[in-house]
Amino acid sequence: MTHPARDLLTTTTAELAPGPQSNPLVPRIARGEASRRTLAALALEQSWVIPADRRAFLHLAERSATADPEAAAFFRTLAEGEALAGQRLDAFARACGVDETGAASYEPLPGCQAYPAYVAWLALNASPADVVLALTANFSAWGGYCATIATALREQYGFTEEACAFFDFFAEPSPELDGMATAAVKAALDAGRLDKTRAHAYGRLLQTYEAMFWSTLGDLPS
């Protein structure tokens, strides 16, 4: 029999799963129909998202270090992952034709930066345990998108292994992180400090902002 924490993560992820029409861009990438300009914008937007999310996760780890060590471990691992992902992003950007001048002059799109802005809001305002549940549900969709993009970049665009490494990183399942999320949710449930309703609301907003990220990129002119 699974623990209620594992069941809660599973059911919340299923309830918050995005619909098939919520991300029109990734199917276009899968078919090789997205322009290099759109791929470059994806790289540049991620160059803003990754460091912002990393700092938010570090803040959540600091907030929960004493009272919620299981959540703190989860957020520290997330922050470490963002740092590793950031190291892989440059190769993708270069493959899309982004140079230092273009990166320095790029102005990020509000629709793409709503997601990290909300993650920062969660880092400041939300109970860390609730954020664990909300983020874990959101990451399931993100990982699937990355797996599709990694395949398409190779098969449709001829990108190198190095250029695909950013998406490969997020596409790979992480049993370690999954175990940490389960431990954090279990500890919060056992202590009576997990607000399922709030966590679900946070997750719904994260999925909405995620969809906004992709639709904003999808609306760019070719």
Protein backbone atom coordinates (compact mmCIF):
# COMPACT_ATOMS: atom_id res chain seq x y z
CA MET A 1 0.00 0.00 0.00
CA THR A 2 1.37 3.42 -0.93
CA HIS A 3 1.69 6.20 1.61
CA PRO A 4 -0.93 8.99 1.47
CA ALA A 5 1.87 11.40 0.51
CA ARG A 6 2.63 9.41 -2.64
CA ASP A 7 -1.05 9.14 -3.44
CA LEU A 8 -1.49 12.89 -2.99
CA LEU A 9 1.40 13.68 -5.32
CA THR A 10 0.02 11.31 -7.93
CA THR A 11 -3.55 12.57 -7.80
CA THR A 12 -2.53 16.25 -7.73
CA THR A 13 -0.28 15.76 -10.75
CA ALA A 14 -3.13 14.07 -12.62
CA GLU A 15 -5.66 16.75 -11.66
CA LEU A 16 -3.37 19.57 -12.77
CA ALA A 17 -2.12 17.94 -15.96
CA PRO A 18 -2.44 20.40 -18.86
CA GLY A 19 -4.90 19.71 -21.64
CA PRO A 20 -3.70 18.80 -25.14
CA GLN A 21 -4.43 22.31 -26.45
CA SER A 22 -2.64 24.19 -23.67
CA ASN A 23 0.75 24.18 -25.41
CA PRO A 24 0.54 24.80 -29.15
CA LEU A 25 4.28 25.39 -29.58
CA VAL A 26 5.82 22.09 -28.53
CA PRO A 27 3.87 20.11 -31.17
CA ARG A 28 5.13 22.57 -33.78
CA ILE A 29 8.68 22.02 -32.60
CA ALA A 30 8.10 18.27 -32.74
CA ARG A 31 7.08 18.60 -36.41
CA GLY A 32 10.03 20.87 -37.20
CA GLU A 33 7.70 23.78 -37.97
CA ALA A 34 8.95 26.27 -35.37
CA SER A 35 11.43 28.81 -36.70
CA ARG A 36 15.01 29.21 -35.48
CA ARG A 37 13.94 32.65 -34.29
CA THR A 38 11.36 31.06 -32.00
CA LEU A 39 13.91 28.55 -30.70
CA ALA A 40 16.32 31.41 -30.03
CA ALA A 41 13.64 33.22 -28.06
CA LEU A 42 13.07 30.03 -26.04
CA ALA A 43 16.78 29.93 -25.19
CA LEU A 44 16.87 33.61 -24.25
CA GLU A 45 13.77 33.42 -22.08
CA GLN A 46 15.21 30.42 -20.27
CA SER A 47 18.39 32.39 -19.63
CA TRP A 48 16.21 34.63 -17.44
CA VAL A 49 14.06 31.88 -15.94
CA ILE A 50 16.82 29.54 -14.77
CA PRO A 51 18.76 31.92 -12.48
CA ALA A 52 15.53 33.42 -11.12
CA ASP A 53 14.13 30.01 -10.21
CA ARG A 54 17.45 28.99 -8.67
CA ARG A 55 17.41 31.96 -6.31
CA ALA A 56 13.77 31.31 -5.43
CA PHE A 57 14.55 27.68 -4.57
CA LEU A 58 17.51 28.71 -2.43
CA HIS A 59 15.27 31.12 -0.55
CA LEU A 60 12.70 28.39 0.02
CA ALA A 61 15.45 26.09 1.29
CA GLU A 62 16.61 28.77 3.71
CA ARG A 63 13.07 29.43 4.95
CA SER A 64 12.41 25.76 5.61
CA ALA A 65 15.84 24.70 6.91
CA THR A 66 14.89 24.60 10.60
CA ALA A 67 11.21 23.71 10.71
CA ASP A 68 10.93 21.61 7.54
CA PRO A 69 14.27 19.92 6.72
CA GLU A 70 12.72 17.51 4.22
CA ALA A 71 11.39 20.41 2.14
CA ALA A 72 14.73 22.21 2.51
CA ALA A 73 16.54 19.22 1.02
CA PHE A 74 14.10 19.17 -1.90
CA PHE A 75 14.62 22.86 -2.65
CA ARG A 76 18.40 22.67 -2.35
CA THR A 77 18.40 19.86 -4.88
CA LEU A 78 16.20 21.90 -7.20
CA ALA A 79 18.59 24.85 -6.93
CA GLU A 80 21.55 22.62 -7.73
CA GLY A 81 19.67 21.30 -10.74
CA GLU A 82 18.97 24.80 -12.03
CA ALA A 83 22.69 25.58 -11.82
CA LEU A 84 23.55 22.46 -13.81
CA ALA A 85 20.84 23.22 -16.38
CA GLY A 86 22.14 26.75 -16.77
CA GLN A 87 25.54 25.40 -17.72
CA ARG A 88 23.92 23.46 -20.55
CA LEU A 89 21.81 26.31 -21.88
CA ASP A 90 24.58 28.22 -23.67
CA ALA A 91 25.13 25.43 -26.19
CA PHE A 92 21.45 25.44 -27.13
CA ALA A 93 21.48 29.24 -27.48
CA ARG A 94 24.53 29.13 -29.73
CA ALA A 95 22.93 26.46 -31.91
CA CYS A 96 19.94 28.79 -32.33
CA GLY A 97 22.24 31.58 -33.54
CA VAL A 98 22.31 33.63 -30.33
CA ASP A 99 25.56 35.50 -29.75
CA GLU A 100 26.72 37.59 -26.78
CA THR A 101 25.49 40.83 -28.32
CA GLY A 102 22.05 39.41 -28.99
CA ALA A 103 21.81 37.96 -25.50
CA ALA A 104 22.87 41.22 -23.88
CA SER A 105 20.35 43.30 -25.81
CA TYR A 106 17.41 40.91 -25.51
CA GLU A 107 14.30 42.19 -23.73
CA PRO A 108 12.36 39.35 -22.07
CA LEU A 109 8.68 38.87 -22.78
CA PRO A 110 6.18 39.48 -19.96
CA GLY A 111 4.17 36.41 -20.87
CA CYS A 112 7.25 34.23 -20.50
CA GLN A 113 8.49 35.80 -17.28
CA ALA A 114 5.17 35.51 -15.43
CA TYR A 115 6.13 31.96 -14.42
CA PRO A 116 9.41 32.79 -12.61
CA ALA A 117 7.79 35.88 -11.12
CA TYR A 118 5.15 33.65 -9.56
CA VAL A 119 7.76 31.17 -8.35
CA ALA A 120 9.46 34.10 -6.63
CA TRP A 121 6.11 35.08 -5.07
CA LEU A 122 5.74 31.54 -3.76
CA ALA A 123 9.25 31.68 -2.32
CA LEU A 124 8.31 34.78 -0.34
CA ASN A 125 4.74 33.99 0.66
CA ALA A 126 3.79 30.33 0.49
CA SER A 127 4.30 27.50 2.95
CA PRO A 128 7.31 25.54 1.64
CA ALA A 129 5.49 22.20 1.96
CA ASP A 130 2.62 23.48 -0.17
CA VAL A 131 5.13 24.64 -2.78
CA VAL A 132 6.71 21.17 -2.90
CA LEU A 133 3.37 19.67 -3.89
CA ALA A 134 2.55 22.40 -6.41
CA LEU A 135 5.96 22.32 -8.10
CA THR A 136 6.11 18.54 -8.31
CA ALA A 137 2.79 18.50 -10.16
CA ASN A 138 4.04 21.18 -12.55
CA PHE A 139 7.38 19.50 -13.23
CA SER A 140 5.67 16.47 -14.72
CA ALA A 141 4.38 18.51 -17.67
CA TRP A 142 7.66 20.41 -18.06
CA GLY A 143 9.64 17.18 -18.22
CA GLY A 144 7.39 15.83 -20.95
CA TYR A 145 7.78 18.99 -23.00
CA CYS A 146 11.56 18.80 -22.67
CA ALA A 147 11.64 15.18 -23.79
CA THR A 148 9.65 16.05 -26.92
CA ILE A 149 11.85 19.05 -27.70
CA ALA A 150 15.08 17.10 -27.20
CA THR A 151 13.96 14.50 -29.72
CA ALA A 152 12.79 17.12 -32.21
CA LEU A 153 15.99 19.13 -32.02
CA ARG A 154 17.92 16.06 -33.10
CA GLU A 155 15.53 14.66 -35.68
CA GLN A 156 14.02 17.84 -37.16
CA TYR A 157 16.73 20.47 -36.69
CA GLY A 158 19.95 18.45 -36.67
CA PHE A 159 21.21 19.82 -33.37
CA THR A 160 24.21 18.23 -31.68
CA GLU A 161 24.11 16.28 -28.44
CA GLU A 162 25.64 19.26 -26.65
CA ALA A 163 22.95 21.59 -27.98
CA CYS A 164 20.22 19.23 -26.75
CA ALA A 165 21.72 18.67 -23.28
CA PHE A 166 19.60 21.36 -21.59
CA PHE A 167 16.38 19.59 -22.53
CA ASP A 168 17.85 16.13 -21.91
CA PHE A 169 18.60 17.22 -18.35
CA PHE A 170 14.98 18.08 -17.54
CA ALA A 171 13.55 15.18 -19.56
CA GLU A 172 15.31 12.56 -17.44
CA PRO A 173 13.21 11.25 -14.53
CA SER A 174 14.78 11.84 -11.13
CA PRO A 175 13.90 9.11 -8.62
CA GLU A 176 16.00 10.96 -6.03
CA LEU A 177 14.01 14.16 -6.39
CA ASP A 178 10.77 12.22 -6.47
CA GLY A 179 11.74 10.56 -3.20
CA MET A 180 12.58 13.91 -1.65
CA ALA A 181 9.22 15.34 -2.68
CA THR A 182 7.43 12.36 -1.17
CA ALA A 183 9.40 12.70 2.06
CA ALA A 184 8.63 16.42 2.29
CA VAL A 185 4.91 15.92 1.66
CA LYS A 186 4.80 13.01 4.12
CA ALA A 187 6.45 15.08 6.85
CA ALA A 188 4.04 17.95 6.26
CA LEU A 189 1.00 15.66 6.28
CA ASP A 190 2.16 13.95 9.46
CA ALA A 191 2.68 17.33 11.14
CA GLY A 192 -0.65 18.71 9.92
CA ARG A 193 0.94 21.64 8.10
CA LEU A 194 0.06 20.86 4.49
CA ASP A 195 -2.80 22.88 3.06
CA LYS A 196 -3.99 20.77 0.14
CA THR A 197 -6.40 23.44 -1.13
CA ARG A 198 -3.72 26.12 -1.24
CA ALA A 199 -1.18 23.76 -2.80
CA HIS A 200 -3.68 22.87 -5.51
CA ALA A 201 -4.32 26.56 -6.18
CA TYR A 202 -0.58 27.23 -6.40
CA GLY A 203 -0.20 24.32 -8.82
CA ARG A 204 -3.07 25.53 -10.98
CA LEU A 205 -1.49 28.96 -11.27
CA LEU A 206 1.90 27.46 -12.08
CA GLN A 207 0.35 25.43 -14.88
CA THR A 208 -1.45 28.52 -16.17
CA TYR A 209 1.75 30.56 -16.22
CA GLU A 210 3.55 27.65 -17.87
CA ALA A 211 0.94 27.62 -20.62
CA MET A 212 1.35 31.40 -20.95
CA PHE A 213 5.09 30.92 -21.42
CA TRP A 214 4.59 28.59 -24.38
CA SER A 215 1.71 30.49 -25.96
CA THR A 216 3.71 33.74 -25.81
CA LEU A 217 6.58 32.11 -27.68
CA GLY A 218 4.16 30.50 -30.09
CA ASP A 219 2.68 33.86 -31.01
CA LEU A 220 6.03 35.32 -32.10
CA PRO A 221 6.31 36.11 -35.80
CA SER A 222 8.36 33.57 -37.74
